[in-house]
N, C-alpha and C. Protein backbone atom coordinates (compact mmCIF):
# COMPACT_ATOMS: atom_id res chain seq x y z
N MET A 1 107.31 71.23 126.24
CA MET A 1 108.40 71.70 125.34
C MET A 1 109.44 72.43 126.21
N THR A 2 110.67 72.07 126.07
CA THR A 2 111.78 72.67 126.81
C THR A 2 112.00 74.08 126.29
N ALA A 3 112.36 75.01 127.19
CA ALA A 3 112.63 76.38 126.78
C ALA A 3 113.72 76.41 125.70
N GLY A 4 113.53 77.25 124.71
CA GLY A 4 114.53 77.30 123.66
C GLY A 4 114.14 76.40 122.46
N ARG A 5 113.19 75.56 122.65
CA ARG A 5 112.76 74.66 121.59
C ARG A 5 111.41 75.16 121.04
N ILE A 6 111.10 74.82 119.83
CA ILE A 6 109.85 75.09 119.23
C ILE A 6 109.30 73.83 118.56
N SER A 7 108.05 73.60 118.67
CA SER A 7 107.47 72.40 118.11
C SER A 7 107.42 72.46 116.60
N LYS A 8 107.59 71.32 115.99
CA LYS A 8 107.49 71.28 114.52
C LYS A 8 106.10 71.63 114.04
N ALA A 9 105.08 71.32 114.87
CA ALA A 9 103.70 71.64 114.50
C ALA A 9 103.50 73.13 114.36
N ALA A 10 104.11 73.89 115.25
CA ALA A 10 104.02 75.35 115.18
C ALA A 10 104.72 75.88 113.93
N VAL A 11 105.80 75.29 113.57
CA VAL A 11 106.55 75.70 112.37
C VAL A 11 105.77 75.29 111.12
N HIS A 12 105.20 74.10 111.19
CA HIS A 12 104.34 73.65 110.06
C HIS A 12 103.22 74.62 109.79
N HIS A 13 102.65 75.11 110.90
CA HIS A 13 101.53 76.04 110.76
C HIS A 13 101.96 77.35 110.03
N SER A 14 103.20 77.76 110.28
CA SER A 14 103.77 78.91 109.54
C SER A 14 103.79 78.66 108.07
N ILE A 15 104.19 77.46 107.64
CA ILE A 15 104.19 77.09 106.27
C ILE A 15 102.80 77.10 105.72
N ASP A 16 101.84 76.60 106.50
CA ASP A 16 100.44 76.62 106.08
C ASP A 16 99.89 78.06 105.87
N ILE A 17 100.31 78.96 106.73
CA ILE A 17 99.92 80.38 106.59
C ILE A 17 100.40 80.91 105.23
N ALA A 18 101.68 80.68 104.92
CA ALA A 18 102.21 81.19 103.66
C ALA A 18 101.52 80.51 102.49
N ALA A 19 101.27 79.22 102.55
CA ALA A 19 100.62 78.46 101.51
C ALA A 19 99.18 79.03 101.34
N ASP A 20 98.49 79.30 102.41
CA ASP A 20 97.11 79.82 102.33
C ASP A 20 97.07 81.16 101.62
N HIS A 21 98.08 82.02 101.87
CA HIS A 21 98.13 83.34 101.21
C HIS A 21 98.19 83.13 99.70
N LEU A 22 99.00 82.19 99.30
CA LEU A 22 99.18 81.93 97.87
C LEU A 22 97.90 81.34 97.22
N LYS A 23 97.31 80.39 97.93
CA LYS A 23 96.08 79.77 97.41
C LYS A 23 94.92 80.82 97.34
N GLU A 24 94.87 81.72 98.23
CA GLU A 24 93.86 82.75 98.24
C GLU A 24 94.09 83.73 97.04
N ALA A 25 95.33 83.76 96.55
CA ALA A 25 95.64 84.67 95.46
C ALA A 25 95.23 84.14 94.07
N ALA A 26 94.81 82.92 94.02
CA ALA A 26 94.43 82.33 92.74
C ALA A 26 93.31 83.10 92.06
N GLY A 27 93.45 83.26 90.76
CA GLY A 27 92.39 83.85 89.99
C GLY A 27 91.21 82.94 89.82
N PRO A 28 90.21 83.45 89.08
CA PRO A 28 89.00 82.61 88.84
C PRO A 28 89.30 81.30 88.11
N ASP A 29 90.45 81.23 87.41
CA ASP A 29 90.83 80.05 86.70
C ASP A 29 91.53 79.03 87.58
N GLY A 30 91.74 79.40 88.88
CA GLY A 30 92.38 78.52 89.82
C GLY A 30 93.91 78.52 89.74
N LYS A 31 94.42 79.36 88.90
CA LYS A 31 95.91 79.43 88.70
C LYS A 31 96.48 80.64 89.44
N ILE A 32 97.66 80.48 89.92
CA ILE A 32 98.36 81.54 90.68
C ILE A 32 99.49 82.06 89.84
N SER A 33 99.36 83.18 89.23
CA SER A 33 100.39 83.73 88.40
C SER A 33 101.45 84.46 89.29
N ARG A 34 102.53 84.82 88.72
CA ARG A 34 103.54 85.53 89.47
C ARG A 34 102.98 86.93 89.90
N ALA A 35 102.16 87.51 89.05
CA ALA A 35 101.50 88.77 89.42
C ALA A 35 100.52 88.58 90.67
N ASP A 36 99.78 87.45 90.59
CA ASP A 36 98.93 87.10 91.72
C ASP A 36 99.74 86.95 93.03
N MET A 37 100.85 86.28 92.92
CA MET A 37 101.74 86.08 94.11
C MET A 37 102.21 87.41 94.60
N LYS A 38 102.71 88.26 93.73
CA LYS A 38 103.24 89.57 94.10
C LYS A 38 102.14 90.41 94.82
N LYS A 39 100.96 90.36 94.23
CA LYS A 39 99.82 91.13 94.85
C LYS A 39 99.51 90.58 96.24
N ALA A 40 99.45 89.29 96.36
CA ALA A 40 99.12 88.64 97.64
C ALA A 40 100.17 89.01 98.70
N VAL A 41 101.43 89.01 98.33
CA VAL A 41 102.50 89.30 99.28
C VAL A 41 102.39 90.76 99.72
N ALA A 42 102.12 91.67 98.76
CA ALA A 42 102.04 93.07 99.05
C ALA A 42 100.98 93.42 100.10
N GLN A 43 99.93 92.61 100.20
CA GLN A 43 98.84 92.90 101.11
C GLN A 43 99.06 92.39 102.56
N ILE A 44 100.16 91.67 102.79
CA ILE A 44 100.43 91.13 104.10
C ILE A 44 101.13 92.20 104.94
N GLU A 45 100.62 92.48 106.12
CA GLU A 45 101.12 93.55 106.97
C GLU A 45 102.33 93.12 107.83
N ASP A 46 102.30 91.94 108.43
CA ASP A 46 103.37 91.48 109.30
C ASP A 46 104.62 91.21 108.44
N LYS A 47 105.76 91.80 108.86
CA LYS A 47 106.98 91.70 108.08
C LYS A 47 107.49 90.28 107.90
N THR A 48 107.46 89.54 109.00
CA THR A 48 107.97 88.12 108.96
C THR A 48 107.06 87.27 108.07
N GLU A 49 105.77 87.41 108.23
CA GLU A 49 104.82 86.66 107.47
C GLU A 49 104.92 87.01 105.97
N LYS A 50 105.14 88.29 105.73
CA LYS A 50 105.31 88.75 104.33
C LYS A 50 106.57 88.16 103.69
N LYS A 51 107.66 88.18 104.43
CA LYS A 51 108.93 87.66 103.91
C LYS A 51 108.82 86.15 103.72
N LEU A 52 108.23 85.42 104.69
CA LEU A 52 108.05 83.98 104.52
C LEU A 52 107.23 83.64 103.28
N THR A 53 106.10 84.38 103.11
CA THR A 53 105.23 84.16 102.00
C THR A 53 105.98 84.41 100.69
N GLN A 54 106.74 85.47 100.67
CA GLN A 54 107.52 85.81 99.46
C GLN A 54 108.56 84.73 99.13
N VAL A 55 109.27 84.28 100.10
CA VAL A 55 110.29 83.23 99.89
C VAL A 55 109.62 81.92 99.56
N PHE A 56 108.51 81.59 100.22
CA PHE A 56 107.80 80.36 99.89
C PHE A 56 107.21 80.37 98.50
N ALA A 57 106.72 81.53 98.06
CA ALA A 57 106.17 81.70 96.72
C ALA A 57 107.27 81.43 95.67
N LYS A 58 108.44 81.98 95.88
CA LYS A 58 109.57 81.74 94.95
C LYS A 58 109.93 80.24 94.94
N PHE A 59 109.93 79.65 96.12
CA PHE A 59 110.27 78.25 96.26
C PHE A 59 109.26 77.37 95.51
N ALA A 60 108.01 77.69 95.68
CA ALA A 60 106.94 76.95 95.02
C ALA A 60 107.01 77.11 93.49
N ASP A 61 107.27 78.34 93.07
CA ASP A 61 107.42 78.62 91.67
C ASP A 61 108.59 77.88 91.05
N HIS A 62 109.68 77.84 91.79
CA HIS A 62 110.90 77.16 91.32
C HIS A 62 110.62 75.66 91.21
N ARG A 63 109.97 75.09 92.21
CA ARG A 63 109.70 73.63 92.18
C ARG A 63 108.74 73.25 91.05
N ASP A 64 107.91 74.15 90.61
CA ASP A 64 106.93 73.86 89.58
C ASP A 64 107.35 74.45 88.23
N PHE A 65 108.62 74.77 88.08
CA PHE A 65 109.07 75.47 86.86
C PHE A 65 108.89 74.62 85.58
N ARG A 66 108.15 75.21 84.70
CA ARG A 66 108.01 74.79 83.32
C ARG A 66 107.74 76.02 82.54
N VAL A 67 108.12 76.11 81.30
CA VAL A 67 107.89 77.28 80.47
C VAL A 67 106.39 77.49 80.47
N GLY A 68 105.96 78.71 80.83
CA GLY A 68 104.54 79.07 80.82
C GLY A 68 103.72 78.46 81.94
N ALA A 69 104.35 77.78 82.86
CA ALA A 69 103.60 77.15 83.93
C ALA A 69 103.07 78.17 84.96
N GLN A 70 101.96 77.86 85.57
CA GLN A 70 101.43 78.62 86.62
C GLN A 70 101.07 77.68 87.80
N LEU A 71 101.21 78.18 88.96
CA LEU A 71 100.90 77.38 90.14
C LEU A 71 99.42 77.20 90.30
N THR A 72 99.09 76.07 90.90
CA THR A 72 97.68 75.86 91.33
C THR A 72 97.71 75.53 92.83
N ALA A 73 96.55 75.47 93.43
CA ALA A 73 96.46 75.15 94.86
C ALA A 73 97.12 73.78 95.12
N LYS A 74 96.93 72.85 94.22
CA LYS A 74 97.57 71.52 94.37
C LYS A 74 99.08 71.61 94.41
N ASP A 75 99.64 72.44 93.52
CA ASP A 75 101.09 72.64 93.53
C ASP A 75 101.55 73.27 94.83
N VAL A 76 100.81 74.23 95.33
CA VAL A 76 101.15 74.87 96.61
C VAL A 76 101.11 73.88 97.75
N ASP A 77 100.05 73.02 97.76
CA ASP A 77 99.95 72.03 98.84
C ASP A 77 101.09 71.02 98.76
N LEU A 78 101.50 70.61 97.54
CA LEU A 78 102.65 69.67 97.42
C LEU A 78 103.94 70.34 97.86
N THR A 79 104.09 71.60 97.56
CA THR A 79 105.29 72.33 98.02
C THR A 79 105.29 72.48 99.58
N ALA A 80 104.16 72.74 100.13
CA ALA A 80 104.05 72.82 101.61
C ALA A 80 104.44 71.48 102.24
N LYS A 81 103.92 70.40 101.67
CA LYS A 81 104.21 69.08 102.21
C LYS A 81 105.72 68.78 102.11
N TYR A 82 106.30 69.13 100.98
CA TYR A 82 107.76 68.92 100.78
C TYR A 82 108.54 69.81 101.78
N ALA A 83 108.12 71.07 101.91
CA ALA A 83 108.86 71.99 102.81
C ALA A 83 108.80 71.48 104.25
N LYS A 84 107.67 70.98 104.68
CA LYS A 84 107.53 70.48 106.05
C LYS A 84 108.46 69.28 106.30
N ALA A 85 108.52 68.42 105.29
CA ALA A 85 109.37 67.18 105.42
C ALA A 85 110.86 67.50 105.29
N LYS A 86 111.21 68.25 104.27
CA LYS A 86 112.61 68.43 103.94
C LYS A 86 113.26 69.66 104.55
N LEU A 87 112.48 70.72 104.76
CA LEU A 87 113.07 72.00 105.27
C LEU A 87 112.84 72.16 106.75
N ILE A 88 112.01 71.33 107.36
CA ILE A 88 111.74 71.48 108.81
C ILE A 88 111.99 70.15 109.51
N ASP A 89 111.21 69.14 109.21
CA ASP A 89 111.33 67.86 109.98
C ASP A 89 112.71 67.20 109.88
N ALA A 90 113.35 67.33 108.74
CA ALA A 90 114.62 66.73 108.54
C ALA A 90 115.72 67.28 109.49
N TYR A 91 115.44 68.51 110.04
CA TYR A 91 116.43 69.13 110.91
C TYR A 91 116.20 68.81 112.40
N ASP A 92 115.10 68.19 112.69
CA ASP A 92 114.78 67.76 114.11
C ASP A 92 115.42 66.40 114.32
N THR A 93 116.72 66.35 114.43
CA THR A 93 117.44 65.12 114.50
C THR A 93 117.13 64.24 115.69
N ASN A 94 116.81 64.88 116.82
CA ASN A 94 116.48 64.09 118.01
C ASN A 94 114.96 63.96 118.25
N ARG A 95 114.18 64.44 117.35
CA ARG A 95 112.70 64.25 117.40
C ARG A 95 112.03 64.80 118.65
N ASN A 96 112.55 65.93 119.12
CA ASN A 96 111.95 66.51 120.36
C ASN A 96 111.74 68.04 120.20
N GLY A 97 111.43 68.41 118.98
CA GLY A 97 111.26 69.84 118.73
C GLY A 97 112.55 70.46 118.19
N LEU A 98 112.44 71.62 117.64
CA LEU A 98 113.59 72.27 117.02
C LEU A 98 114.30 73.15 118.01
N GLU A 99 115.61 72.96 118.09
CA GLU A 99 116.44 73.77 119.02
C GLU A 99 117.31 74.67 118.20
N LYS A 100 117.92 75.64 118.82
CA LYS A 100 118.69 76.68 118.19
C LYS A 100 119.75 76.10 117.19
N LYS A 101 120.46 75.11 117.61
CA LYS A 101 121.52 74.52 116.71
C LYS A 101 120.89 73.95 115.46
N GLU A 102 119.73 73.24 115.60
CA GLU A 102 119.09 72.65 114.45
C GLU A 102 118.54 73.77 113.50
N ILE A 103 117.99 74.78 114.12
CA ILE A 103 117.41 75.88 113.35
C ILE A 103 118.50 76.61 112.55
N SER A 104 119.65 76.76 113.13
CA SER A 104 120.76 77.48 112.48
C SER A 104 121.18 76.81 111.18
N LYS A 105 120.91 75.53 111.06
CA LYS A 105 121.30 74.74 109.83
C LYS A 105 120.23 74.75 108.76
N MET A 106 119.07 75.35 109.08
CA MET A 106 117.93 75.33 108.10
C MET A 106 118.14 76.36 107.04
N SER A 107 117.38 76.18 105.97
CA SER A 107 117.35 77.14 104.84
C SER A 107 116.62 78.40 105.32
N LEU A 108 116.67 79.41 104.52
CA LEU A 108 115.97 80.69 104.81
C LEU A 108 114.52 80.42 105.02
N THR A 109 113.88 79.58 104.16
CA THR A 109 112.51 79.27 104.29
C THR A 109 112.15 78.68 105.64
N GLY A 110 112.93 77.72 106.09
CA GLY A 110 112.76 77.08 107.37
C GLY A 110 112.95 78.04 108.52
N GLN A 111 114.00 78.88 108.45
CA GLN A 111 114.27 79.81 109.50
C GLN A 111 113.15 80.89 109.63
N LEU A 112 112.62 81.34 108.50
CA LEU A 112 111.55 82.29 108.54
C LEU A 112 110.27 81.66 109.11
N ALA A 113 110.03 80.38 108.77
CA ALA A 113 108.86 79.66 109.34
C ALA A 113 109.01 79.55 110.88
N VAL A 114 110.18 79.31 111.34
CA VAL A 114 110.46 79.24 112.81
C VAL A 114 110.23 80.60 113.45
N LEU A 115 110.76 81.61 112.81
CA LEU A 115 110.58 82.98 113.33
C LEU A 115 109.10 83.37 113.45
N LEU A 116 108.31 83.05 112.39
CA LEU A 116 106.92 83.34 112.41
C LEU A 116 106.21 82.53 113.50
N ALA A 117 106.58 81.27 113.65
CA ALA A 117 105.98 80.42 114.69
C ALA A 117 106.24 81.01 116.08
N LYS A 118 107.50 81.43 116.31
CA LYS A 118 107.85 82.06 117.60
C LYS A 118 107.03 83.33 117.87
N GLN A 119 106.88 84.15 116.79
CA GLN A 119 106.05 85.37 116.92
C GLN A 119 104.63 84.98 117.31
N ASN A 120 104.09 84.00 116.63
CA ASN A 120 102.69 83.61 116.90
C ASN A 120 102.50 83.03 118.25
N GLU A 121 103.54 82.34 118.81
CA GLU A 121 103.47 81.82 120.17
C GLU A 121 103.40 82.87 121.20
N ASN A 122 104.04 84.03 120.85
CA ASN A 122 104.14 85.16 121.83
C ASN A 122 102.98 86.13 121.70
N ARG A 123 102.03 85.88 120.84
CA ARG A 123 100.86 86.77 120.70
C ARG A 123 99.76 86.39 121.64
């Protein structure tokens, strides 16, 4: 990987981290309410991971919006798959990892996933 680039796999892993936080928040009924999401986010210590999970939770909730709807692990997995394809992979125009110019065009969700991936690479 060239300096200044980050692999899509590392960024995908950031999305998986956020998705896992939400899935772990599910109640005994397997549903993830907004209160469950809020509680899960509040327990995350790392600021970037917390912000990504918060933004990803809103994104997942928005994608699954129906009156009275609650998220399930399946909904979260589908949202993660969509986010990886549309919010990350679609920006790697030359298929050699994400570079600064490509990252700058990403949504907040994508940019936070990149930031968390970079943090995790440096640990």
